[in-house]
Amino acid sequence: MACKPLEAKTIFASGQLKLALGANSGIKKGALAYVTSGRESWTLLQVSNVNQTSATLRPINTMSNPKTLANLTVRFIEGAL
């Protein structure tokens, strides 16, 4: 049986893109993820900060409004640092 990829919905709070998953779920600083659907699908994100229960993401490419990535599902790329 194969493992399911790690996915989570983004939250935009205090001017930052966040996840309600953190180190307890295996997320590490520098990990890469991408948006799975919608207009922003395949947008790449990197974990810029992580604690036990949450993580902060930043788009790899400069975006005029990262808030457009709020409430979207992201999937982590296996093998990311």
Protein backbone atom coordinates (compact mmCIF):
# COMPACT_ATOMS: atom_id res chain seq x y z
CA MET A 1 0.00 0.00 0.00
CA ALA A 2 1.42 3.38 -1.01
CA CYS A 3 1.41 6.41 1.26
CA LYS A 4 -0.75 9.38 0.34
CA PRO A 5 1.10 12.63 -0.44
CA LEU A 6 1.04 15.22 2.33
CA GLU A 7 -1.55 17.88 1.50
CA ALA A 8 -3.05 20.81 3.40
CA LYS A 9 -5.15 23.94 2.87
CA THR A 10 -3.40 27.28 3.09
CA ILE A 11 -4.47 30.08 5.43
CA PHE A 12 -3.61 33.76 4.89
CA ALA A 13 -3.14 35.44 8.27
CA SER A 14 -1.11 38.44 9.45
CA GLY A 15 0.17 39.01 5.92
CA GLN A 16 1.60 35.48 5.64
CA LEU A 17 0.60 32.22 4.00
CA LYS A 18 0.36 29.50 6.64
CA LEU A 19 -0.52 25.84 7.13
CA ALA A 20 -2.03 24.19 10.19
CA LEU A 21 0.61 21.44 9.85
CA GLY A 22 4.16 21.59 11.11
CA ALA A 23 7.12 19.50 12.25
CA ASN A 24 4.79 17.01 13.96
CA SER A 25 3.50 16.14 10.47
CA GLY A 26 6.99 15.86 8.99
CA ILE A 27 7.23 19.33 7.43
CA LYS A 28 10.73 20.81 7.40
CA LYS A 29 12.11 24.27 6.69
CA GLY A 30 13.01 24.48 2.99
CA ALA A 31 10.43 21.85 1.94
CA LEU A 32 8.74 22.48 -1.41
CA ALA A 33 5.04 22.31 -2.20
CA TYR A 34 2.79 23.23 -5.10
CA VAL A 35 -0.83 24.36 -5.46
CA THR A 36 -2.88 21.42 -6.73
CA SER A 37 -5.72 23.14 -8.62
CA GLY A 38 -7.34 26.35 -9.78
CA ARG A 39 -5.86 29.42 -11.45
CA GLU A 40 -2.75 29.17 -9.29
CA SER A 41 -2.17 25.46 -9.89
CA TRP A 42 1.48 24.46 -10.02
CA THR A 43 2.59 27.60 -8.19
CA LEU A 44 5.66 26.55 -6.20
CA LEU A 45 5.98 27.37 -2.52
CA GLN A 46 8.78 26.90 0.00
CA VAL A 47 8.49 26.47 3.76
CA SER A 48 10.20 29.52 5.26
CA ASN A 49 9.47 28.79 8.91
CA VAL A 50 8.13 25.79 10.82
CA ASN A 51 7.20 24.94 14.40
CA GLN A 52 5.58 21.83 15.86
CA THR A 53 2.03 22.55 14.68
CA SER A 54 2.26 25.12 11.87
CA ALA A 55 4.37 26.26 8.95
CA THR A 56 4.80 29.48 6.98
CA LEU A 57 5.07 29.30 3.19
CA ARG A 58 6.39 31.75 0.64
CA PRO A 59 5.94 31.62 -3.12
CA ILE A 60 9.16 30.77 -4.98
CA ASN A 61 8.28 33.28 -7.72
CA THR A 62 7.50 36.86 -6.83
CA MET A 63 3.75 37.42 -6.72
CA SER A 64 1.91 40.70 -6.61
CA ASN A 65 -0.61 39.32 -4.09
CA PRO A 66 0.18 36.08 -2.23
CA LYS A 67 -3.27 36.37 -0.62
CA THR A 68 -4.63 34.80 -3.83
CA LEU A 69 -3.12 31.52 -2.58
CA ALA A 70 -5.30 31.48 0.55
CA ASN A 71 -7.65 28.53 1.07
CA LEU A 72 -6.01 26.45 -1.66
CA THR A 73 -4.71 22.91 -1.30
CA VAL A 74 -0.97 22.43 -1.53
CA ARG A 75 0.87 19.13 -1.93
CA PHE A 76 4.39 18.61 -0.68
CA ILE A 77 7.02 17.32 -3.08
CA GLU A 78 8.72 14.16 -1.83
CA GLY A 79 12.47 14.43 -1.42
CA ALA A 80 12.49 18.18 -0.79
CA LEU A 81 15.08 19.49 1.65
